[in-house]
Amino acid sequence: MPIYEYECPKCNCRFEQLVFRQSEKVCCPECGSSEVSRCMSIFGFKSGGDKGAASSRMGSSGSGCSGCRATSCASCH
């Protein structure tokens, strides 16, 4: 049961939705439009390595998510 990210072209609302089946109808929570499009989104993962956590959001420079300056997403999520 993945959580997908959607965007509504009518009101520019960006939201996440838990989807149980691909055939499930998704509507914008702001305006109710069913003409939403699924967006590409970044996922995170946890590694069993030495530091215990790694994220696909982390770049090679060791910086955190693109929206913050933390070195670990655990500090902001």
N, C-alpha and C. Protein backbone atom coordinates (compact mmCIF):
# COMPACT_ATOMS: atom_id res chain seq x y z
N MET A 1 0.84 -1.19 0.00
CA MET A 1 0.00 0.00 0.00
C MET A 1 0.88 1.25 0.00
N PRO A 2 1.23 1.70 -1.16
CA PRO A 2 2.11 2.87 -1.25
C PRO A 2 1.39 4.19 -1.03
N ILE A 3 2.15 5.16 -0.58
CA ILE A 3 1.65 6.53 -0.48
C ILE A 3 2.19 7.26 -1.69
N TYR A 4 1.28 7.81 -2.48
CA TYR A 4 1.67 8.54 -3.69
C TYR A 4 1.51 10.03 -3.48
N GLU A 5 2.27 10.80 -4.22
CA GLU A 5 2.19 12.26 -4.18
C GLU A 5 1.45 12.70 -5.44
N TYR A 6 0.48 13.61 -5.27
CA TYR A 6 -0.34 14.09 -6.37
C TYR A 6 -0.32 15.61 -6.43
N GLU A 7 -0.67 16.13 -7.61
CA GLU A 7 -0.83 17.57 -7.77
C GLU A 7 -2.12 17.83 -8.56
N CYS A 8 -2.87 18.84 -8.12
CA CYS A 8 -4.11 19.22 -8.78
C CYS A 8 -3.83 20.41 -9.69
N PRO A 9 -4.09 20.28 -10.99
CA PRO A 9 -3.84 21.39 -11.92
C PRO A 9 -4.83 22.55 -11.76
N LYS A 10 -5.98 22.27 -11.16
CA LYS A 10 -6.99 23.33 -11.01
C LYS A 10 -6.64 24.32 -9.90
N CYS A 11 -6.15 23.80 -8.75
CA CYS A 11 -5.87 24.71 -7.62
C CYS A 11 -4.41 24.66 -7.18
N ASN A 12 -3.57 23.89 -7.90
CA ASN A 12 -2.13 23.75 -7.60
C ASN A 12 -1.84 23.15 -6.23
N CYS A 13 -2.80 22.44 -5.67
CA CYS A 13 -2.60 21.77 -4.38
C CYS A 13 -1.73 20.54 -4.60
N ARG A 14 -0.74 20.34 -3.76
CA ARG A 14 0.11 19.15 -3.81
C ARG A 14 -0.16 18.37 -2.53
N PHE A 15 -0.48 17.08 -2.65
CA PHE A 15 -0.86 16.29 -1.49
C PHE A 15 -0.43 14.84 -1.65
N GLU A 16 -0.45 14.10 -0.53
CA GLU A 16 -0.11 12.69 -0.52
C GLU A 16 -1.38 11.88 -0.25
N GLN A 17 -1.43 10.68 -0.81
CA GLN A 17 -2.62 9.84 -0.64
C GLN A 17 -2.17 8.38 -0.54
N LEU A 18 -2.67 7.67 0.46
CA LEU A 18 -2.45 6.25 0.59
C LEU A 18 -3.38 5.55 -0.39
N VAL A 19 -2.84 4.74 -1.29
CA VAL A 19 -3.63 4.11 -2.34
C VAL A 19 -3.61 2.60 -2.14
N PHE A 20 -4.80 2.02 -1.99
CA PHE A 20 -4.91 0.58 -1.78
C PHE A 20 -4.92 -0.19 -3.10
N ARG A 21 -5.56 0.36 -4.13
CA ARG A 21 -5.63 -0.26 -5.45
C ARG A 21 -5.34 0.78 -6.51
N GLN A 22 -4.75 0.35 -7.62
CA GLN A 22 -4.45 1.29 -8.70
C GLN A 22 -5.71 1.89 -9.29
N SER A 23 -6.81 1.18 -9.22
CA SER A 23 -8.08 1.65 -9.79
C SER A 23 -8.80 2.64 -8.86
N GLU A 24 -8.25 2.85 -7.66
CA GLU A 24 -8.88 3.75 -6.69
C GLU A 24 -8.89 5.19 -7.20
N LYS A 25 -10.04 5.85 -7.07
CA LYS A 25 -10.18 7.24 -7.52
C LYS A 25 -9.59 8.18 -6.47
N VAL A 26 -8.74 9.10 -6.91
CA VAL A 26 -8.10 10.06 -6.02
C VAL A 26 -8.63 11.45 -6.36
N CYS A 27 -9.06 12.19 -5.33
CA CYS A 27 -9.58 13.55 -5.52
C CYS A 27 -8.77 14.54 -4.70
N CYS A 28 -8.69 15.75 -5.18
CA CYS A 28 -7.98 16.83 -4.49
C CYS A 28 -8.70 17.16 -3.18
N PRO A 29 -7.98 17.23 -2.07
CA PRO A 29 -8.61 17.56 -0.79
C PRO A 29 -9.04 19.03 -0.69
N GLU A 30 -8.48 19.89 -1.54
CA GLU A 30 -8.80 21.32 -1.51
C GLU A 30 -10.05 21.65 -2.33
N CYS A 31 -10.07 21.22 -3.59
CA CYS A 31 -11.17 21.63 -4.47
C CYS A 31 -12.08 20.47 -4.88
N GLY A 32 -11.68 19.23 -4.58
CA GLY A 32 -12.49 18.07 -4.90
C GLY A 32 -12.35 17.55 -6.32
N SER A 33 -11.49 18.15 -7.12
CA SER A 33 -11.30 17.73 -8.51
C SER A 33 -10.72 16.32 -8.57
N SER A 34 -11.20 15.52 -9.52
CA SER A 34 -10.64 14.18 -9.72
C SER A 34 -9.59 14.17 -10.83
N GLU A 35 -9.31 15.33 -11.40
CA GLU A 35 -8.31 15.44 -12.47
C GLU A 35 -6.94 15.76 -11.89
N VAL A 36 -6.44 14.87 -11.04
CA VAL A 36 -5.14 15.06 -10.41
C VAL A 36 -4.10 14.22 -11.13
N SER A 37 -2.84 14.61 -11.04
CA SER A 37 -1.78 13.83 -11.66
C SER A 37 -0.78 13.38 -10.60
N ARG A 38 -0.31 12.16 -10.75
CA ARG A 38 0.65 11.61 -9.80
C ARG A 38 2.02 12.19 -10.11
N CYS A 39 2.73 12.60 -9.09
CA CYS A 39 4.05 13.23 -9.24
C CYS A 39 5.15 12.22 -8.93
N MET A 40 6.31 12.50 -9.46
CA MET A 40 7.50 11.73 -9.09
C MET A 40 7.92 12.24 -7.72
N SER A 41 8.21 11.34 -6.83
CA SER A 41 8.62 11.77 -5.49
C SER A 41 9.85 10.98 -5.05
N ILE A 42 10.53 11.51 -4.08
CA ILE A 42 11.74 10.91 -3.54
C ILE A 42 11.35 10.00 -2.39
N PHE A 43 12.02 8.90 -2.27
CA PHE A 43 11.74 8.00 -1.16
C PHE A 43 12.95 7.91 -0.25
N GLY A 44 12.72 7.52 0.97
CA GLY A 44 13.80 7.34 1.92
C GLY A 44 13.94 5.86 2.24
N PHE A 45 15.09 5.46 2.73
CA PHE A 45 15.28 4.08 3.13
C PHE A 45 16.20 4.05 4.32
N LYS A 46 16.15 2.97 5.06
CA LYS A 46 17.01 2.79 6.21
C LYS A 46 17.97 1.66 5.91
N SER A 47 19.24 1.90 6.15
CA SER A 47 20.28 0.94 5.86
C SER A 47 20.76 0.29 7.14
N GLY A 48 21.26 -0.90 7.07
CA GLY A 48 21.80 -1.58 8.24
C GLY A 48 23.28 -1.30 8.41
N GLY A 49 23.80 -0.25 7.78
CA GLY A 49 25.23 0.09 7.84
C GLY A 49 25.67 0.59 9.20
N ASP A 50 26.91 1.06 9.29
CA ASP A 50 27.52 1.49 10.54
C ASP A 50 26.77 2.62 11.23
N LYS A 51 26.30 3.58 10.47
CA LYS A 51 25.63 4.72 11.09
C LYS A 51 24.17 4.42 11.39
N GLY A 52 23.64 3.31 10.87
CA GLY A 52 22.30 2.89 11.19
C GLY A 52 21.22 3.46 10.30
N ALA A 53 21.44 4.62 9.70
CA ALA A 53 20.41 5.20 8.84
C ALA A 53 21.07 5.91 7.67
N ALA A 54 20.47 5.73 6.54
CA ALA A 54 20.90 6.44 5.34
C ALA A 54 19.65 6.76 4.56
N SER A 55 19.71 7.78 3.76
CA SER A 55 18.54 8.17 2.99
C SER A 55 18.92 8.43 1.56
N SER A 56 18.03 8.07 0.64
CA SER A 56 18.29 8.35 -0.76
C SER A 56 18.25 9.85 -1.02
N ARG A 57 17.75 10.62 -0.10
CA ARG A 57 17.71 12.06 -0.25
C ARG A 57 19.07 12.70 0.01
N MET A 58 19.97 11.97 0.64
CA MET A 58 21.26 12.54 0.99
C MET A 58 22.20 12.50 -0.19
N GLY A 59 22.84 13.61 -0.46
CA GLY A 59 23.79 13.69 -1.57
C GLY A 59 25.15 13.20 -1.15
N SER A 60 26.09 13.22 -2.06
CA SER A 60 27.42 12.73 -1.77
C SER A 60 28.17 13.66 -0.83
N SER A 61 27.70 14.90 -0.69
CA SER A 61 28.37 15.83 0.22
C SER A 61 27.98 15.59 1.66
N GLY A 62 27.00 14.69 1.91
CA GLY A 62 26.58 14.41 3.27
C GLY A 62 25.51 15.36 3.76
N SER A 63 25.06 16.27 2.92
CA SER A 63 24.01 17.18 3.36
C SER A 63 22.69 16.44 3.40
N GLY A 64 21.73 16.97 4.15
CA GLY A 64 20.44 16.32 4.32
C GLY A 64 19.52 16.58 3.15
N CYS A 65 18.25 16.61 3.44
CA CYS A 65 17.23 16.83 2.42
C CYS A 65 17.47 18.16 1.71
N SER A 66 16.93 18.29 0.53
CA SER A 66 17.16 19.50 -0.24
C SER A 66 16.60 20.74 0.46
N GLY A 67 15.65 20.55 1.37
CA GLY A 67 15.02 21.69 2.02
C GLY A 67 15.66 22.07 3.35
N CYS A 68 16.68 21.36 3.80
CA CYS A 68 17.29 21.69 5.09
C CYS A 68 18.80 21.51 5.03
N ARG A 69 19.47 21.85 6.10
CA ARG A 69 20.92 21.74 6.15
C ARG A 69 21.39 20.65 7.11
N ALA A 70 20.47 19.84 7.63
CA ALA A 70 20.84 18.77 8.55
C ALA A 70 21.63 17.70 7.82
N THR A 71 22.42 16.93 8.54
CA THR A 71 23.19 15.85 7.93
C THR A 71 22.43 14.54 7.95
N SER A 72 21.29 14.51 8.59
CA SER A 72 20.49 13.30 8.66
C SER A 72 19.01 13.69 8.62
N CYS A 73 18.21 12.99 7.82
CA CYS A 73 16.77 13.29 7.76
C CYS A 73 16.09 12.99 9.09
N ALA A 74 16.73 12.17 9.92
CA ALA A 74 16.14 11.87 11.22
C ALA A 74 16.03 13.12 12.10
N SER A 75 16.85 14.12 11.83
CA SER A 75 16.81 15.34 12.63
C SER A 75 15.66 16.26 12.25
N CYS A 76 15.08 16.06 11.06
CA CYS A 76 13.98 16.94 10.66
C CYS A 76 12.69 16.19 10.35
N HIS A 77 12.69 14.89 10.36
CA HIS A 77 11.47 14.11 10.08
C HIS A 77 11.09 13.30 11.27
